[in-house]
PDB file of all heavy atoms in Angstrom:
ATOM      1  N   ILE A   1     -53.922  19.073 152.340  1.00  0.00           N
ATOM      2  CA  ILE A   1     -54.582  18.398 153.414  1.00  0.00           C
ATOM      3  C   ILE A   1     -55.929  19.036 153.705  1.00  0.00           C
ATOM      4  O   ILE A   1     -56.130  20.219 153.480  1.00  0.00           O
ATOM      5  CB  ILE A   1     -53.723  18.297 154.698  1.00  0.00           C
ATOM      6  CG1 ILE A   1     -53.304  19.692 155.161  1.00  0.00           C
ATOM      7  CG2 ILE A   1     -52.535  17.420 154.516  1.00  0.00           C
ATOM      8  CD1 ILE A   1     -52.583  19.686 156.497  1.00  0.00           C
ATOM      9  N   VAL A   2     -56.861  18.171 154.086  1.00  0.00           N
ATOM     10  CA  VAL A   2     -58.173  18.575 154.539  1.00  0.00           C
ATOM     11  C   VAL A   2     -58.137  18.611 156.034  1.00  0.00           C
ATOM     12  O   VAL A   2     -57.797  17.648 156.709  1.00  0.00           O
ATOM     13  CB  VAL A   2     -59.239  17.661 154.037  1.00  0.00           C
ATOM     14  CG1 VAL A   2     -60.656  18.084 154.525  1.00  0.00           C
ATOM     15  CG2 VAL A   2     -59.255  17.515 152.559  1.00  0.00           C
ATOM     16  N   ARG A   3     -58.361  19.754 156.663  1.00  0.00           N
ATOM     17  CA  ARG A   3     -58.310  19.980 158.088  1.00  0.00           C
ATOM     18  C   ARG A   3     -59.641  19.881 158.761  1.00  0.00           C
ATOM     19  O   ARG A   3     -59.762  19.383 159.882  1.00  0.00           O
ATOM     20  CB  ARG A   3     -57.672  21.327 158.419  1.00  0.00           C
ATOM     21  CG  ARG A   3     -56.260  21.421 158.082  1.00  0.00           C
ATOM     22  CD  ARG A   3     -55.494  21.782 159.348  1.00  0.00           C
ATOM     23  NE  ARG A   3     -54.080  21.831 159.015  1.00  0.00           N
ATOM     24  CZ  ARG A   3     -53.170  21.049 159.572  1.00  0.00           C
ATOM     25  NH1 ARG A   3     -53.562  20.082 160.383  1.00  0.00           N
ATOM     26  NH2 ARG A   3     -51.948  21.140 159.275  1.00  0.00           N
ATOM     27  N   SER A   4     -60.705  20.444 158.119  1.00  0.00           N
ATOM     28  CA  SER A   4     -61.989  20.378 158.668  1.00  0.00           C
ATOM     29  C   SER A   4     -63.037  20.203 157.581  1.00  0.00           C
ATOM     30  O   SER A   4     -62.828  20.639 156.456  1.00  0.00           O
ATOM     31  CB  SER A   4     -62.294  21.591 159.589  1.00  0.00           C
ATOM     32  OG  SER A   4     -62.256  22.737 158.824  1.00  0.00           O
ATOM     33  N   ILE A   5     -64.167  19.632 157.965  1.00  0.00           N
ATOM     34  CA  ILE A   5     -65.262  19.430 156.987  1.00  0.00           C
ATOM     35  C   ILE A   5     -66.562  19.796 157.644  1.00  0.00           C
ATOM     36  O   ILE A   5     -66.732  19.872 158.838  1.00  0.00           O
ATOM     37  CB  ILE A   5     -65.295  17.967 156.531  1.00  0.00           C
ATOM     38  CG1 ILE A   5     -65.542  16.975 157.702  1.00  0.00           C
ATOM     39  CG2 ILE A   5     -64.004  17.573 155.780  1.00  0.00           C
ATOM     40  CD1 ILE A   5     -65.732  15.504 157.277  1.00  0.00           C
ATOM     41  N   PRO A   6     -67.593  20.113 156.777  1.00  0.00           N
ATOM     42  CA  PRO A   6     -68.893  20.469 157.323  1.00  0.00           C
ATOM     43  C   PRO A   6     -69.556  19.194 157.898  1.00  0.00           C
ATOM     44  O   PRO A   6     -69.228  18.067 157.476  1.00  0.00           O
ATOM     45  CB  PRO A   6     -69.668  20.976 156.083  1.00  0.00           C
ATOM     46  CG  PRO A   6     -68.938  20.375 154.883  1.00  0.00           C
ATOM     47  CD  PRO A   6     -67.528  20.197 155.322  1.00  0.00           C
ATOM     48  N   VAL A   7     -70.484  19.393 158.798  1.00  0.00           N
ATOM     49  CA  VAL A   7     -71.149  18.243 159.419  1.00  0.00           C
ATOM     50  C   VAL A   7     -71.928  17.377 158.414  1.00  0.00           C
ATOM     51  O   VAL A   7     -72.089  16.170 158.656  1.00  0.00           O
ATOM     52  CB  VAL A   7     -72.038  18.650 160.595  1.00  0.00           C
ATOM     53  CG1 VAL A   7     -71.275  19.300 161.671  1.00  0.00           C
ATOM     54  CG2 VAL A   7     -73.137  19.613 160.099  1.00  0.00           C
ATOM     55  N   TRP A   8     -72.331  17.923 157.298  1.00  0.00           N
ATOM     56  CA  TRP A   8     -73.097  17.162 156.328  1.00  0.00           C
ATOM     57  C   TRP A   8     -72.244  16.277 155.456  1.00  0.00           C
ATOM     58  O   TRP A   8     -72.787  15.453 154.740  1.00  0.00           O
ATOM     59  CB  TRP A   8     -74.023  18.052 155.504  1.00  0.00           C
ATOM     60  CG  TRP A   8     -73.305  19.178 154.861  1.00  0.00           C
ATOM     61  CD1 TRP A   8     -73.167  20.497 155.298  1.00  0.00           C
ATOM     62  CD2 TRP A   8     -72.589  19.165 153.595  1.00  0.00           C
ATOM     63  NE1 TRP A   8     -72.461  21.249 154.421  1.00  0.00           N
ATOM     64  CE2 TRP A   8     -72.091  20.433 153.356  1.00  0.00           C
ATOM     65  CE3 TRP A   8     -72.313  18.209 152.644  1.00  0.00           C
ATOM     66  CZ2 TRP A   8     -71.342  20.809 152.273  1.00  0.00           C
ATOM     67  CZ3 TRP A   8     -71.591  18.526 151.488  1.00  0.00           C
ATOM     68  CH2 TRP A   8     -71.096  19.816 151.334  1.00  0.00           C
ATOM     69  N   LEU A   9     -70.966  16.370 155.536  1.00  0.00           N
ATOM     70  CA  LEU A   9     -70.061  15.589 154.642  1.00  0.00           C
ATOM     71  C   LEU A   9     -69.584  14.346 155.419  1.00  0.00           C
ATOM     72  O   LEU A   9     -69.099  14.429 156.521  1.00  0.00           O
ATOM     73  CB  LEU A   9     -68.854  16.451 154.223  1.00  0.00           C
ATOM     74  CG  LEU A   9     -67.865  15.812 153.294  1.00  0.00           C
ATOM     75  CD1 LEU A   9     -68.532  15.448 151.952  1.00  0.00           C
ATOM     76  CD2 LEU A   9     -66.705  16.793 153.032  1.00  0.00           C
ATOM     77  N   ASN A  10     -69.736  13.226 154.795  1.00  0.00           N
ATOM     78  CA  ASN A  10     -69.300  11.957 155.352  1.00  0.00           C
ATOM     79  C   ASN A  10     -67.812  11.754 155.190  1.00  0.00           C
ATOM     80  O   ASN A  10     -67.298  11.751 154.073  1.00  0.00           O
ATOM     81  CB  ASN A  10     -70.079  10.778 154.676  1.00  0.00           C
ATOM     82  CG  ASN A  10     -69.769   9.440 155.245  1.00  0.00           C
ATOM     83  OD1 ASN A  10     -68.769   9.275 156.015  1.00  0.00           O
ATOM     84  ND2 ASN A  10     -70.575   8.474 155.029  1.00  0.00           N
ATOM     85  N   GLN A  11     -67.056  11.631 156.292  1.00  0.00           N
ATOM     86  CA  GLN A  11     -65.618  11.565 156.314  1.00  0.00           C
ATOM     87  C   GLN A  11     -65.166  10.352 155.559  1.00  0.00           C
ATOM     88  O   GLN A  11     -64.130  10.344 154.925  1.00  0.00           O
ATOM     89  CB  GLN A  11     -65.100  11.539 157.709  1.00  0.00           C
ATOM     90  CG  GLN A  11     -63.627  11.554 157.831  1.00  0.00           C
ATOM     91  CD  GLN A  11     -63.099  11.593 159.259  1.00  0.00           C
ATOM     92  OE1 GLN A  11     -63.823  11.897 160.165  1.00  0.00           O
ATOM     93  NE2 GLN A  11     -61.855  11.304 159.426  1.00  0.00           N
ATOM     94  N   ASN A  12     -65.961   9.236 155.535  1.00  0.00           N
ATOM     95  CA  ASN A  12     -65.555   8.015 154.893  1.00  0.00           C
ATOM     96  C   ASN A  12     -65.394   8.180 153.382  1.00  0.00           C
ATOM     97  O   ASN A  12     -64.650   7.445 152.743  1.00  0.00           O
ATOM     98  CB  ASN A  12     -66.503   6.877 155.202  1.00  0.00           C
ATOM     99  CG  ASN A  12     -66.501   6.554 156.684  1.00  0.00           C
ATOM    100  OD1 ASN A  12     -65.506   6.735 157.364  1.00  0.00           O
ATOM    101  ND2 ASN A  12     -67.620   6.043 157.162  1.00  0.00           N
ATOM    102  N   ASP A  13     -66.189   9.073 152.788  1.00  0.00           N
ATOM    103  CA  ASP A  13     -66.166   9.292 151.313  1.00  0.00           C
ATOM    104  C   ASP A  13     -65.279  10.446 150.937  1.00  0.00           C
ATOM    105  O   ASP A  13     -65.234  10.832 149.758  1.00  0.00           O
ATOM    106  CB  ASP A  13     -67.566   9.605 150.839  1.00  0.00           C
ATOM    107  CG  ASP A  13     -68.530   8.457 151.019  1.00  0.00           C
ATOM    108  OD1 ASP A  13     -68.054   7.293 151.047  1.00  0.00           O
ATOM    109  OD2 ASP A  13     -69.739   8.718 151.186  1.00  0.00           O
ATOM    110  N   LEU A  14     -64.573  11.030 151.886  1.00  0.00           N
ATOM    111  CA  LEU A  14     -63.889  12.287 151.626  1.00  0.00           C
ATOM    112  C   LEU A  14     -62.877  12.239 150.514  1.00  0.00           C
ATOM    113  O   LEU A  14     -62.875  13.118 149.604  1.00  0.00           O
ATOM    114  CB  LEU A  14     -63.185  12.771 152.904  1.00  0.00           C
ATOM    115  CG  LEU A  14     -62.599  14.163 152.859  1.00  0.00           C
ATOM    116  CD1 LEU A  14     -63.640  15.220 152.556  1.00  0.00           C
ATOM    117  CD2 LEU A  14     -61.887  14.506 154.192  1.00  0.00           C
ATOM    118  N   THR A  15     -61.981  11.259 150.467  1.00  0.00           N
ATOM    119  CA  THR A  15     -60.951  11.224 149.414  1.00  0.00           C
ATOM    120  C   THR A  15     -61.576  11.153 148.027  1.00  0.00           C
ATOM    121  O   THR A  15     -61.243  11.843 147.100  1.00  0.00           O
ATOM    122  CB  THR A  15     -59.958  10.058 149.681  1.00  0.00           C
ATOM    123  OG1 THR A  15     -59.372  10.220 150.944  1.00  0.00           O
ATOM    124  CG2 THR A  15     -58.894  10.046 148.637  1.00  0.00           C
ATOM    125  N   HIS A  16     -62.512  10.186 147.871  1.00  0.00           N
ATOM    126  CA  HIS A  16     -63.185  10.042 146.542  1.00  0.00           C
ATOM    127  C   HIS A  16     -63.988  11.221 146.182  1.00  0.00           C
ATOM    128  O   HIS A  16     -63.949  11.740 145.002  1.00  0.00           O
ATOM    129  CB  HIS A  16     -64.092   8.799 146.586  1.00  0.00           C
ATOM    130  CG  HIS A  16     -64.598   8.385 145.274  1.00  0.00           C
ATOM    131  ND1 HIS A  16     -65.895   8.472 144.944  1.00  0.00           N
ATOM    132  CD2 HIS A  16     -63.991   7.921 144.138  1.00  0.00           C
ATOM    133  CE1 HIS A  16     -66.092   8.129 143.693  1.00  0.00           C
ATOM    134  NE2 HIS A  16     -64.958   7.761 143.173  1.00  0.00           N
ATOM    135  N   PHE A  17     -64.671  11.801 147.135  1.00  0.00           N
ATOM    136  CA  PHE A  17     -65.433  13.017 146.971  1.00  0.00           C
ATOM    137  C   PHE A  17     -64.563  14.166 146.499  1.00  0.00           C
ATOM    138  O   PHE A  17     -64.858  14.897 145.534  1.00  0.00           O
ATOM    139  CB  PHE A  17     -66.181  13.379 148.244  1.00  0.00           C
ATOM    140  CG  PHE A  17     -66.827  14.729 148.247  1.00  0.00           C
ATOM    141  CD1 PHE A  17     -67.956  14.967 147.540  1.00  0.00           C
ATOM    142  CD2 PHE A  17     -66.204  15.767 149.008  1.00  0.00           C
ATOM    143  CE1 PHE A  17     -68.540  16.234 147.574  1.00  0.00           C
ATOM    144  CE2 PHE A  17     -66.799  16.996 148.997  1.00  0.00           C
ATOM    145  CZ  PHE A  17     -67.969  17.281 148.311  1.00  0.00           C
ATOM    146  N   MET A  18     -63.438  14.413 147.216  1.00  0.00           N
ATOM    147  CA  MET A  18     -62.552  15.486 146.836  1.00  0.00           C
ATOM    148  C   MET A  18     -61.945  15.250 145.467  1.00  0.00           C
ATOM    149  O   MET A  18     -61.749  16.254 144.714  1.00  0.00           O
ATOM    150  CB  MET A  18     -61.387  15.623 147.919  1.00  0.00           C
ATOM    151  CG  MET A  18     -61.915  16.131 149.275  1.00  0.00           C
ATOM    152  SD  MET A  18     -62.736  17.692 149.190  1.00  0.00           S
ATOM    153  CE  MET A  18     -61.359  18.776 148.794  1.00  0.00           C
ATOM    154  N   GLN A  19     -61.631  14.043 145.084  1.00  0.00           N
ATOM    155  CA  GLN A  19     -61.108  13.779 143.764  1.00  0.00           C
ATOM    156  C   GLN A  19     -62.160  14.150 142.695  1.00  0.00           C
ATOM    157  O   GLN A  19     -61.832  14.824 141.691  1.00  0.00           O
ATOM    158  CB  GLN A  19     -60.736  12.283 143.618  1.00  0.00           C
ATOM    159  CG  GLN A  19     -59.990  11.984 142.322  1.00  0.00           C
ATOM    160  CD  GLN A  19     -58.667  12.741 142.195  1.00  0.00           C
ATOM    161  OE1 GLN A  19     -57.856  12.693 143.140  1.00  0.00           O
ATOM    162  NE2 GLN A  19     -58.485  13.409 141.149  1.00  0.00           N
ATOM    163  N   ASP A  20     -63.376  13.807 142.896  1.00  0.00           N
ATOM    164  CA  ASP A  20     -64.495  14.184 141.959  1.00  0.00           C
ATOM    165  C   ASP A  20     -64.570  15.696 141.819  1.00  0.00           C
ATOM    166  O   ASP A  20     -64.746  16.228 140.713  1.00  0.00           O
ATOM    167  CB  ASP A  20     -65.824  13.602 142.401  1.00  0.00           C
ATOM    168  CG  ASP A  20     -65.925  12.085 142.231  1.00  0.00           C
ATOM    169  OD1 ASP A  20     -65.030  11.531 141.542  1.00  0.00           O
ATOM    170  OD2 ASP A  20     -66.923  11.519 142.688  1.00  0.00           O
ATOM    171  N   VAL A  21     -64.551  16.377 142.975  1.00  0.00           N
ATOM    172  CA  VAL A  21     -64.651  17.858 142.931  1.00  0.00           C
ATOM    173  C   VAL A  21     -63.397  18.500 142.263  1.00  0.00           C
ATOM    174  O   VAL A  21     -63.585  19.433 141.459  1.00  0.00           O
ATOM    175  CB  VAL A  21     -64.818  18.387 144.389  1.00  0.00           C
ATOM    176  CG1 VAL A  21     -64.770  19.945 144.367  1.00  0.00           C
ATOM    177  CG2 VAL A  21     -66.179  17.857 144.950  1.00  0.00           C
ATOM    178  N   MET A  22     -62.254  17.983 142.542  1.00  0.00           N
ATOM    179  CA  MET A  22     -60.992  18.479 141.873  1.00  0.00           C
ATOM    180  C   MET A  22     -61.112  18.295 140.333  1.00  0.00           C
ATOM    181  O   MET A  22     -60.773  19.182 139.587  1.00  0.00           O
ATOM    182  CB  MET A  22     -59.781  17.772 142.337  1.00  0.00           C
ATOM    183  CG  MET A  22     -59.136  18.333 143.541  1.00  0.00           C
ATOM    184  SD  MET A  22     -57.473  17.631 143.914  1.00  0.00           S
ATOM    185  CE  MET A  22     -57.748  15.869 143.845  1.00  0.00           C
ATOM    186  N   ASP A  23     -61.541  17.093 139.901  1.00  0.00           N
ATOM    187  CA  ASP A  23     -61.692  16.811 138.518  1.00  0.00           C
ATOM    188  C   ASP A  23     -62.651  17.811 137.808  1.00  0.00           C
ATOM    189  O   ASP A  23     -62.358  18.340 136.799  1.00  0.00           O
ATOM    190  CB  ASP A  23     -62.203  15.386 138.259  1.00  0.00           C
ATOM    191  CG  ASP A  23     -61.176  14.345 138.631  1.00  0.00           C
ATOM    192  OD1 ASP A  23     -59.962  14.700 138.796  1.00  0.00           O
ATOM    193  OD2 ASP A  23     -61.559  13.148 138.732  1.00  0.00           O
ATOM    194  N   ARG A  24     -63.767  18.084 138.513  1.00  0.00           N
ATOM    195  CA  ARG A  24     -64.719  19.030 137.951  1.00  0.00           C
ATOM    196  C   ARG A  24     -64.090  20.450 137.882  1.00  0.00           C
ATOM    197  O   ARG A  24     -64.245  21.135 136.872  1.00  0.00           O
ATOM    198  CB  ARG A  24     -65.977  19.066 138.823  1.00  0.00           C
ATOM    199  CG  ARG A  24     -66.949  20.167 138.582  1.00  0.00           C
ATOM    200  CD  ARG A  24     -67.625  19.988 137.230  1.00  0.00           C
ATOM    201  NE  ARG A  24     -68.380  21.147 136.925  1.00  0.00           N
ATOM    202  CZ  ARG A  24     -69.701  21.158 136.655  1.00  0.00           C
ATOM    203  NH1 ARG A  24     -70.369  20.038 136.670  1.00  0.00           N
ATOM    204  NH2 ARG A  24     -70.308  22.226 136.351  1.00  0.00           N
TER     205      ARG A  24
END
C-alpha cells in the first residue's frame, strides 16, 4: 500500500505510475 506521496506527484496517476516504476 501507498500511504503518503510527495506533493509533486499526482494522486490520479499513482497506480499506473507505480506500475511503471515497479517494472523498471
